[in-house]
Structures are given as C-alpha cells and as structure tokens.
C-alpha cells in the first residue's frame, strides 16, 4: 500500500530529517521524494510504502499531525488510490 505525503510550511532546518526519521521509526519506506523552497516556503511531496508499518494508518496520521504541529508545518497523507482518483482528468 502506498500513500502520498505532503509537507508545507515556513522553511527551517530539520524538516526533512524529522519527517523521514518518523517514517523510519514506523517502518514506512520512502519510495520517492521531491522538495523545493519557494521564497521562504518549504514544500515536499513523498511517495511512501506503508505495507510494513508497525502502527495503524490512523495512528500514523495522528503522529504525523503531531509532528507537523511541533515543526509548525502542515503534514497530510493520502492513500495513493484516493490521490489518484482526485486527480483524474
């Protein structure tokens, strides 16, 4: 199972490290990552494999939301199927 994870917020040191470390701790695998800085805003999109996570999807979402609050960024995760269906032409 795959998900698309987005992170948006004011740029600061440690965003990528914190998010990727959290995913590592939960046994999620980052398949692809794209990040950029636009003016002072940090944006990142990750494709993440969730088949082997060691917590529920709900708990992972809650943990990501809490990490976002700590980092003062918005972190959202969508199942790949939901993301794909939202972006069909």
PDB file of N, CA and C in Angstrom:
ATOM      1  N   UNK A   1       0.845  -1.174   0.000  1.00  0.00           N
ATOM      2  CA  UNK A   1       0.000   0.000   0.000  1.00  0.00           C
ATOM      3  C   UNK A   1       0.891   1.238   0.000  1.00  0.00           C
ATOM      4  N   UNK A   2       0.551   2.190  -0.844  1.00  0.00           N
ATOM      5  CA  UNK A   2       1.326   3.418  -0.953  1.00  0.00           C
ATOM      6  C   UNK A   2       0.467   4.621  -0.583  1.00  0.00           C
ATOM      7  N   UNK A   3       1.168   5.690  -0.167  1.00  0.00           N
ATOM      8  CA  UNK A   3       0.492   6.943   0.153  1.00  0.00           C
ATOM      9  C   UNK A   3       1.332   8.104  -0.338  1.00  0.00           C
ATOM     10  N   UNK A   4       0.658   9.224  -0.592  1.00  0.00           N
ATOM     11  CA  UNK A   4       1.327  10.465  -0.947  1.00  0.00           C
ATOM     12  C   UNK A   4       1.298  11.344   0.297  1.00  0.00           C
ATOM     13  N   UNK A   5       2.480  11.781   0.707  1.00  0.00           N
ATOM     14  CA  UNK A   5       2.617  12.600   1.896  1.00  0.00           C
ATOM     15  C   UNK A   5       3.110  13.979   1.471  1.00  0.00           C
ATOM     16  N   UNK A   6       2.430  15.024   1.917  1.00  0.00           N
ATOM     17  CA  UNK A   6       2.843  16.389   1.591  1.00  0.00           C
ATOM     18  C   UNK A   6       3.182  17.138   2.872  1.00  0.00           C
ATOM     19  N   UNK A   7       4.193  17.992   2.765  1.00  0.00           N
ATOM     20  CA  UNK A   7       4.614  18.840   3.882  1.00  0.00           C
ATOM     21  C   UNK A   7       4.773  20.258   3.340  1.00  0.00           C
ATOM     22  N   UNK A   8       4.113  21.211   3.985  1.00  0.00           N
ATOM     23  CA  UNK A   8       4.166  22.606   3.549  1.00  0.00           C
ATOM     24  C   UNK A   8       4.305  23.496   4.779  1.00  0.00           C
ATOM     25  N   UNK A   9       5.199  24.478   4.684  1.00  0.00           N
ATOM     26  CA  UNK A   9       5.347  25.426   5.779  1.00  0.00           C
ATOM     27  C   UNK A   9       6.544  26.327   5.593  1.00  0.00           C
ATOM     28  N   UNK A  10       6.782  27.180   6.580  1.00  0.00           N
ATOM     29  CA  UNK A  10       7.956  28.051   6.556  1.00  0.00           C
ATOM     30  C   UNK A  10       9.198  27.184   6.615  1.00  0.00           C
ATOM     31  N   UNK A  11      10.179  27.515   5.796  1.00  0.00           N
ATOM     32  CA  UNK A  11      11.413  26.734   5.763  1.00  0.00           C
ATOM     33  C   UNK A  11      12.200  26.891   7.068  1.00  0.00           C
ATOM     34  N   UNK A  12      12.761  25.770   7.518  1.00  0.00           N
ATOM     35  CA  UNK A  12      13.644  25.772   8.687  1.00  0.00           C
ATOM     36  C   UNK A  12      14.471  24.495   8.655  1.00  0.00           C
ATOM     37  N   UNK A  13      15.529  24.484   9.377  1.00  0.00           N
ATOM     38  CA  UNK A  13      16.415  23.329   9.448  1.00  0.00           C
ATOM     39  C   UNK A  13      15.696  22.154  10.103  1.00  0.00           C
ATOM     40  N   UNK A  14      15.829  20.962   9.508  1.00  0.00           N
ATOM     41  CA  UNK A  14      15.382  19.737  10.158  1.00  0.00           C
ATOM     42  C   UNK A  14      14.047  19.175   9.725  1.00  0.00           C
ATOM     43  N   UNK A  15      13.346  19.822   8.812  1.00  0.00           N
ATOM     44  CA  UNK A  15      12.032  19.304   8.421  1.00  0.00           C
ATOM     45  C   UNK A  15      12.162  17.925   7.785  1.00  0.00           C
ATOM     46  N   UNK A  16      13.022  17.805   6.783  1.00  0.00           N
ATOM     47  CA  UNK A  16      13.182  16.520   6.100  1.00  0.00           C
ATOM     48  C   UNK A  16      13.670  15.457   7.079  1.00  0.00           C
ATOM     49  N   UNK A  17      14.650  15.805   7.896  1.00  0.00           N
ATOM     50  CA  UNK A  17      15.207  14.851   8.858  1.00  0.00           C
ATOM     51  C   UNK A  17      14.136  14.360   9.837  1.00  0.00           C
ATOM     52  N   UNK A  18      13.335  15.268  10.366  1.00  0.00           N
ATOM     53  CA  UNK A  18      12.300  14.886  11.333  1.00  0.00           C
ATOM     54  C   UNK A  18      11.231  14.002  10.720  1.00  0.00           C
ATOM     55  N   UNK A  19      10.750  14.368   9.535  1.00  0.00           N
ATOM     56  CA  UNK A  19       9.686  13.591   8.899  1.00  0.00           C
ATOM     57  C   UNK A  19      10.213  12.224   8.460  1.00  0.00           C
ATOM     58  N   UNK A  20      11.378  12.195   7.831  1.00  0.00           N
ATOM     59  CA  UNK A  20      11.918  10.903   7.367  1.00  0.00           C
ATOM     60  C   UNK A  20      12.276  10.004   8.539  1.00  0.00           C
ATOM     61  N   UNK A  21      12.776  10.560   9.646  1.00  0.00           N
ATOM     62  CA  UNK A  21      13.077   9.750  10.820  1.00  0.00           C
ATOM     63  C   UNK A  21      11.805   9.159  11.427  1.00  0.00           C
ATOM     64  N   UNK A  22      10.726   9.948  11.483  1.00  0.00           N
ATOM     65  CA  UNK A  22       9.453   9.437  11.989  1.00  0.00           C
ATOM     66  C   UNK A  22       8.977   8.263  11.125  1.00  0.00           C
ATOM     67  N   UNK A  23       9.061   8.421   9.803  1.00  0.00           N
ATOM     68  CA  UNK A  23       8.643   7.337   8.909  1.00  0.00           C
ATOM     69  C   UNK A  23       9.510   6.095   9.107  1.00  0.00           C
ATOM     70  N   UNK A  24      10.807   6.296   9.289  1.00  0.00           N
ATOM     71  CA  UNK A  24      11.721   5.184   9.555  1.00  0.00           C
ATOM     72  C   UNK A  24      11.320   4.442  10.830  1.00  0.00           C
ATOM     73  N   UNK A  25      11.041   5.190  11.891  1.00  0.00           N
ATOM     74  CA  UNK A  25      10.651   4.582  13.172  1.00  0.00           C
ATOM     75  C   UNK A  25       9.376   3.753  13.047  1.00  0.00           C
ATOM     76  N   UNK A  26       8.488   4.134  12.140  1.00  0.00           N
ATOM     77  CA  UNK A  26       7.223   3.423  11.958  1.00  0.00           C
ATOM     78  C   UNK A  26       7.315   2.368  10.859  1.00  0.00           C
ATOM     79  N   UNK A  27       8.518   2.160  10.327  1.00  0.00           N
ATOM     80  CA  UNK A  27       8.807   1.144   9.310  1.00  0.00           C
ATOM     81  C   UNK A  27       8.154   1.442   7.959  1.00  0.00           C
ATOM     82  N   UNK A  28       7.974   2.722   7.661  1.00  0.00           N
ATOM     83  CA  UNK A  28       7.489   3.141   6.345  1.00  0.00           C
ATOM     84  C   UNK A  28       8.699   3.380   5.453  1.00  0.00           C
ATOM     85  N   UNK A  29       8.578   3.070   4.180  1.00  0.00           N
ATOM     86  CA  UNK A  29       9.686   3.218   3.239  1.00  0.00           C
ATOM     87  C   UNK A  29       9.397   4.371   2.281  1.00  0.00           C
ATOM     88  N   UNK A  30      10.324   5.317   2.192  1.00  0.00           N
ATOM     89  CA  UNK A  30      10.193   6.433   1.261  1.00  0.00           C
ATOM     90  C   UNK A  30      10.636   5.955  -0.113  1.00  0.00           C
ATOM     91  N   UNK A  31       9.698   5.933  -1.065  1.00  0.00           N
ATOM     92  CA  UNK A  31       9.990   5.472  -2.421  1.00  0.00           C
ATOM     93  C   UNK A  31      10.481   6.597  -3.310  1.00  0.00           C
ATOM     94  N   UNK A  32       9.973   7.795  -3.099  1.00  0.00           N
ATOM     95  CA  UNK A  32      10.366   8.941  -3.903  1.00  0.00           C
ATOM     96  C   UNK A  32      10.129  10.199  -3.083  1.00  0.00           C
ATOM     97  N   UNK A  33      10.927  11.203  -3.348  1.00  0.00           N
ATOM     98  CA  UNK A  33      10.796  12.463  -2.609  1.00  0.00           C
ATOM     99  C   UNK A  33      11.143  13.616  -3.535  1.00  0.00           C
ATOM    100  N   UNK A  34      10.381  14.681  -3.400  1.00  0.00           N
ATOM    101  CA  UNK A  34      10.638  15.903  -4.149  1.00  0.00           C
ATOM    102  C   UNK A  34      10.395  17.054  -3.196  1.00  0.00           C
ATOM    103  N   UNK A  35      11.373  17.933  -3.071  1.00  0.00           N
ATOM    104  CA  UNK A  35      11.191  19.080  -2.188  1.00  0.00           C
ATOM    105  C   UNK A  35      11.780  20.313  -2.839  1.00  0.00           C
ATOM    106  N   UNK A  36      11.212  21.444  -2.471  1.00  0.00           N
ATOM    107  CA  UNK A  36      11.693  22.714  -3.003  1.00  0.00           C
ATOM    108  C   UNK A  36      11.403  23.820  -1.997  1.00  0.00           C
ATOM    109  N   UNK A  37      12.127  24.902  -2.155  1.00  0.00           N
ATOM    110  CA  UNK A  37      11.893  26.101  -1.367  1.00  0.00           C
ATOM    111  C   UNK A  37      11.392  27.169  -2.337  1.00  0.00           C
ATOM    112  N   UNK A  38      10.218  27.735  -2.051  1.00  0.00           N
ATOM    113  CA  UNK A  38       9.674  28.827  -2.857  1.00  0.00           C
ATOM    114  C   UNK A  38       9.591  30.048  -1.951  1.00  0.00           C
ATOM    115  N   UNK A  39      10.446  31.044  -2.237  1.00  0.00           N
ATOM    116  CA  UNK A  39      10.647  32.163  -1.314  1.00  0.00           C
ATOM    117  C   UNK A  39      11.070  31.567   0.020  1.00  0.00           C
ATOM    118  N   UNK A  40      10.322  31.752   1.065  1.00  0.00           N
ATOM    119  CA  UNK A  40      10.678  31.163   2.363  1.00  0.00           C
ATOM    120  C   UNK A  40       9.813  29.961   2.707  1.00  0.00           C
ATOM    121  N   UNK A  41       9.060  29.447   1.726  1.00  0.00           N
ATOM    122  CA  UNK A  41       8.160  28.337   1.994  1.00  0.00           C
ATOM    123  C   UNK A  41       8.754  27.015   1.522  1.00  0.00           C
ATOM    124  N   UNK A  42       8.708  26.047   2.407  1.00  0.00           N
ATOM    125  CA  UNK A  42       9.201  24.705   2.141  1.00  0.00           C
ATOM    126  C   UNK A  42       8.033  23.858   1.644  1.00  0.00           C
ATOM    127  N   UNK A  43       8.227  23.124   0.567  1.00  0.00           N
ATOM    128  CA  UNK A  43       7.220  22.181   0.093  1.00  0.00           C
ATOM    129  C   UNK A  43       7.895  20.850  -0.196  1.00  0.00           C
ATOM    130  N   UNK A  44       7.250  19.777   0.207  1.00  0.00           N
ATOM    131  CA  UNK A  44       7.806  18.444  -0.021  1.00  0.00           C
ATOM    132  C   UNK A  44       6.664  17.477  -0.326  1.00  0.00           C
ATOM    133  N   UNK A  45       6.901  16.610  -1.288  1.00  0.00           N
ATOM    134  CA  UNK A  45       5.964  15.540  -1.620  1.00  0.00           C
ATOM    135  C   UNK A  45       6.751  14.244  -1.576  1.00  0.00           C
ATOM    136  N   UNK A  46       6.210  13.264  -0.861  1.00  0.00           N
ATOM    137  CA  UNK A  46       6.840  11.950  -0.764  1.00  0.00           C
ATOM    138  C   UNK A  46       5.858  10.883  -1.228  1.00  0.00           C
ATOM    139  N   UNK A  47       6.370   9.861  -1.890  1.00  0.00           N
ATOM    140  CA  UNK A  47       5.609   8.644  -2.136  1.00  0.00           C
ATOM    141  C   UNK A  47       6.146   7.627  -1.144  1.00  0.00           C
ATOM    142  N   UNK A  48       5.265   7.103  -0.306  1.00  0.00           N
ATOM    143  CA  UNK A  48       5.675   6.262   0.816  1.00  0.00           C
ATOM    144  C   UNK A  48       4.994   4.898   0.737  1.00  0.00           C
ATOM    145  N   UNK A  49       5.769   3.847   0.940  1.00  0.00           N
ATOM    146  CA  UNK A  49       5.248   2.476   1.012  1.00  0.00           C
ATOM    147  C   UNK A  49       4.874   2.193   2.466  1.00  0.00           C
ATOM    148  N   UNK A  50       3.629   1.791   2.696  1.00  0.00           N
ATOM    149  CA  UNK A  50       3.120   1.601   4.059  1.00  0.00           C
ATOM    150  C   UNK A  50       2.795   0.152   4.402  1.00  0.00           C
ATOM    151  N   UNK A  51       3.122  -0.774   3.527  1.00  0.00           N
ATOM    152  CA  UNK A  51       2.728  -2.174   3.740  1.00  0.00           C
ATOM    153  C   UNK A  51       3.280  -2.774   5.023  1.00  0.00           C
ATOM    154  N   UNK A  52       4.428  -2.292   5.486  1.00  0.00           N
ATOM    155  CA  UNK A  52       5.077  -2.906   6.647  1.00  0.00           C
ATOM    156  C   UNK A  52       5.112  -2.017   7.881  1.00  0.00           C
ATOM    157  N   UNK A  53       4.233  -0.991   7.930  1.00  0.00           N
ATOM    158  CA  UNK A  53       4.262  -0.113   9.097  1.00  0.00           C
ATOM    159  C   UNK A  53       3.886  -0.889  10.353  1.00  0.00           C
ATOM    160  N   UNK A  54       4.426  -0.422  11.490  1.00  0.00           N
ATOM    161  CA  UNK A  54       4.232  -1.127  12.756  1.00  0.00           C
ATOM    162  C   UNK A  54       3.161  -0.484  13.643  1.00  0.00           C
ATOM    163  N   UNK A  55       2.366   0.419  13.067  1.00  0.00           N
ATOM    164  CA  UNK A  55       1.206   1.010  13.741  1.00  0.00           C
ATOM    165  C   UNK A  55       0.078   1.099  12.717  1.00  0.00           C
ATOM    166  N   UNK A  56      -1.118   1.450  13.175  1.00  0.00           N
ATOM    167  CA  UNK A  56      -2.241   1.580  12.243  1.00  0.00           C
ATOM    168  C   UNK A  56      -2.094   2.854  11.417  1.00  0.00           C
ATOM    169  N   UNK A  57      -2.804   2.911  10.300  1.00  0.00           N
ATOM    170  CA  UNK A  57      -2.799   4.121   9.468  1.00  0.00           C
ATOM    171  C   UNK A  57      -3.317   5.326  10.249  1.00  0.00           C
ATOM    172  N   UNK A  58      -4.338   5.107  11.050  1.00  0.00           N
ATOM    173  CA  UNK A  58      -4.902   6.189  11.859  1.00  0.00           C
ATOM    174  C   UNK A  58      -3.850   6.735  12.822  1.00  0.00           C
ATOM    175  N   UNK A  59      -3.135   5.826  13.487  1.00  0.00           N
ATOM    176  CA  UNK A  59      -2.091   6.260  14.418  1.00  0.00           C
ATOM    177  C   UNK A  59      -0.961   6.982  13.688  1.00  0.00           C
ATOM    178  N   UNK A  60      -0.601   6.498  12.504  1.00  0.00           N
ATOM    179  CA  UNK A  60       0.449   7.157  11.726  1.00  0.00           C
ATOM    180  C   UNK A  60       0.018   8.567  11.339  1.00  0.00           C
ATOM    181  N   UNK A  61      -1.220   8.719  10.886  1.00  0.00           N
ATOM    182  CA  UNK A  61      -1.739  10.048  10.554  1.00  0.00           C
ATOM    183  C   UNK A  61      -1.708  10.979  11.759  1.00  0.00           C
ATOM    184  N   UNK A  62      -2.121  10.481  12.917  1.00  0.00           N
ATOM    185  CA  UNK A  62      -2.112  11.289  14.134  1.00  0.00           C
ATOM    186  C   UNK A  62      -0.690  11.683  14.522  1.00  0.00           C
ATOM    187  N   UNK A  63       0.244  10.747  14.394  1.00  0.00           N
ATOM    188  CA  UNK A  63       1.640  11.011  14.717  1.00  0.00           C
ATOM    189  C   UNK A  63       2.230  12.048  13.770  1.00  0.00           C
ATOM    190  N   UNK A  64       1.891  11.935  12.479  1.00  0.00           N
ATOM    191  CA  UNK A  64       2.364  12.919  11.504  1.00  0.00           C
ATOM    192  C   UNK A  64       1.770  14.302  11.800  1.00  0.00           C
ATOM    193  N   UNK A  65       0.502  14.352  12.169  1.00  0.00           N
ATOM    194  CA  UNK A  65      -0.134  15.633  12.516  1.00  0.00           C
ATOM    195  C   UNK A  65       0.550  16.277  13.717  1.00  0.00           C
ATOM    196  N   UNK A  66       0.861  15.469  14.726  1.00  0.00           N
ATOM    197  CA  UNK A  66       1.548  15.987  15.911  1.00  0.00           C
ATOM    198  C   UNK A  66       2.944  16.494  15.560  1.00  0.00           C
ATOM    199  N   UNK A  67       3.657  15.753  14.718  1.00  0.00           N
ATOM    200  CA  UNK A  67       4.994  16.181  14.282  1.00  0.00           C
ATOM    201  C   UNK A  67       4.878  17.497  13.521  1.00  0.00           C
ATOM    202  N   UNK A  68       3.850  17.634  12.695  1.00  0.00           N
ATOM    203  CA  UNK A  68       3.629  18.875  11.971  1.00  0.00           C
ATOM    204  C   UNK A  68       3.426  20.055  12.903  1.00  0.00           C
ATOM    205  N   UNK A  69       2.662  19.841  13.978  1.00  0.00           N
ATOM    206  CA  UNK A  69       2.440  20.920  14.953  1.00  0.00           C
ATOM    207  C   UNK A  69       3.751  21.336  15.608  1.00  0.00           C
ATOM    208  N   UNK A  70       4.576  20.355  15.940  1.00  0.00           N
ATOM    209  CA  UNK A  70       5.873  20.646  16.571  1.00  0.00           C
ATOM    210  C   UNK A  70       6.769  21.433  15.617  1.00  0.00           C
ATOM    211  N   UNK A  71       6.783  21.013  14.345  1.00  0.00           N
ATOM    212  CA  UNK A  71       7.629  21.668  13.345  1.00  0.00           C
ATOM    213  C   UNK A  71       6.996  22.931  12.765  1.00  0.00           C
ATOM    214  N   UNK A  72       5.725  23.164  13.097  1.00  0.00           N
ATOM    215  CA  UNK A  72       4.956  24.298  12.560  1.00  0.00           C
ATOM    216  C   UNK A  72       4.848  24.238  11.040  1.00  0.00           C
ATOM    217  N   UNK A  73       4.542  23.009  10.555  1.00  0.00           N
ATOM    218  CA  UNK A  73       4.268  22.775   9.132  1.00  0.00           C
ATOM    219  C   UNK A  73       2.986  21.952   9.038  1.00  0.00           C
ATOM    220  N   UNK A  74       2.398  21.926   7.857  1.00  0.00           N
ATOM    221  CA  UNK A  74       1.209  21.126   7.610  1.00  0.00           C
ATOM    222  C   UNK A  74       1.640  19.827   6.940  1.00  0.00           C
ATOM    223  N   UNK A  75       1.338  18.701   7.564  1.00  0.00           N
ATOM    224  CA  UNK A  75       1.666  17.388   7.006  1.00  0.00           C
ATOM    225  C   UNK A  75       0.359  16.661   6.725  1.00  0.00           C
ATOM    226  N   UNK A  76       0.181  16.232   5.491  1.00  0.00           N
ATOM    227  CA  UNK A  76      -1.021  15.494   5.082  1.00  0.00           C
ATOM    228  C   UNK A  76      -0.608  14.218   4.372  1.00  0.00           C
ATOM    229  N   UNK A  77      -1.341  13.143   4.640  1.00  0.00           N
ATOM    230  CA  UNK A  77      -1.088  11.865   3.991  1.00  0.00           C
ATOM    231  C   UNK A  77      -2.383  11.384   3.351  1.00  0.00           C
ATOM    232  N   UNK A  78      -2.289  10.974   2.080  1.00  0.00           N
ATOM    233  CA  UNK A  78      -3.433  10.428   1.362  1.00  0.00           C
ATOM    234  C   UNK A  78      -3.046   9.089   0.767  1.00  0.00           C
ATOM    235  N   UNK A  79      -3.928   8.120   0.892  1.00  0.00           N
ATOM    236  CA  UNK A  79      -3.712   6.836   0.246  1.00  0.00           C
ATOM    237  C   UNK A  79      -3.552   7.075  -1.249  1.00  0.00           C
ATOM    238  N   UNK A  80      -2.677   6.337  -1.885  1.00  0.00           N
ATOM    239  CA  UNK A  80      -2.397   6.509  -3.316  1.00  0.00           C
ATOM    240  C   UNK A  80      -3.663   6.453  -4.165  1.00  0.00           C
ATOM    241  N   UNK A  81      -4.588   5.546  -3.854  1.00  0.00           N
ATOM    242  CA  UNK A  81      -5.829   5.420  -4.626  1.00  0.00           C
ATOM    243  C   UNK A  81      -6.688   6.679  -4.522  1.00  0.00           C
ATOM    244  N   UNK A  82      -6.776   7.248  -3.324  1.00  0.00           N
ATOM    245  CA  UNK A  82      -7.541   8.478  -3.124  1.00  0.00           C
ATOM    246  C   UNK A  82      -6.879   9.608  -3.899  1.00  0.00           C
ATOM    247  N   UNK A  83      -5.560   9.719  -3.789  1.00  0.00           N
ATOM    248  CA  UNK A  83      -4.836  10.760  -4.502  1.00  0.00           C
ATOM    249  C   UNK A  83      -5.054  10.636  -6.001  1.00  0.00           C
ATOM    250  N   UNK A  84      -4.933   9.417  -6.543  1.00  0.00           N
ATOM    251  CA  UNK A  84      -5.116   9.203  -7.975  1.00  0.00           C
ATOM    252  C   UNK A  84      -6.533   9.534  -8.425  1.00  0.00           C
ATOM    253  N   UNK A  85      -7.540   9.135  -7.659  1.00  0.00           N
ATOM    254  CA  UNK A  85      -8.923   9.385  -8.067  1.00  0.00           C
ATOM    255  C   UNK A  85      -9.255  10.880  -8.028  1.00  0.00           C
ATOM    256  N   UNK A  86      -8.599  11.630  -7.150  1.00  0.00           N
ATOM    257  CA  UNK A  86      -8.829  13.073  -7.070  1.00  0.00           C
ATOM    258  C   UNK A  86      -8.222  13.803  -8.255  1.00  0.00           C
ATOM    259  N   UNK A  87      -7.248  13.190  -8.920  1.00  0.00           N
ATOM    260  CA  UNK A  87      -6.520  13.869  -9.978  1.00  0.00           C
ATOM    261  C   UNK A  87      -6.743  13.267 -11.343  1.00  0.00           C
ATOM    262  N   UNK A  88      -7.819  12.532 -11.508  1.00  0.00           N
ATOM    263  CA  UNK A  88      -8.156  12.016 -12.835  1.00  0.00           C
ATOM    264  C   UNK A  88      -8.692  13.133 -13.700  1.00  0.00           C
ATOM    265  N   UNK A  89      -8.391  13.068 -14.977  1.00  0.00           N
ATOM    266  CA  UNK A  89      -8.881  14.099 -15.908  1.00  0.00           C
ATOM    267  C   UNK A  89     -10.301  13.807 -16.318  1.00  0.00           C
TER     268      UNK A  89
END
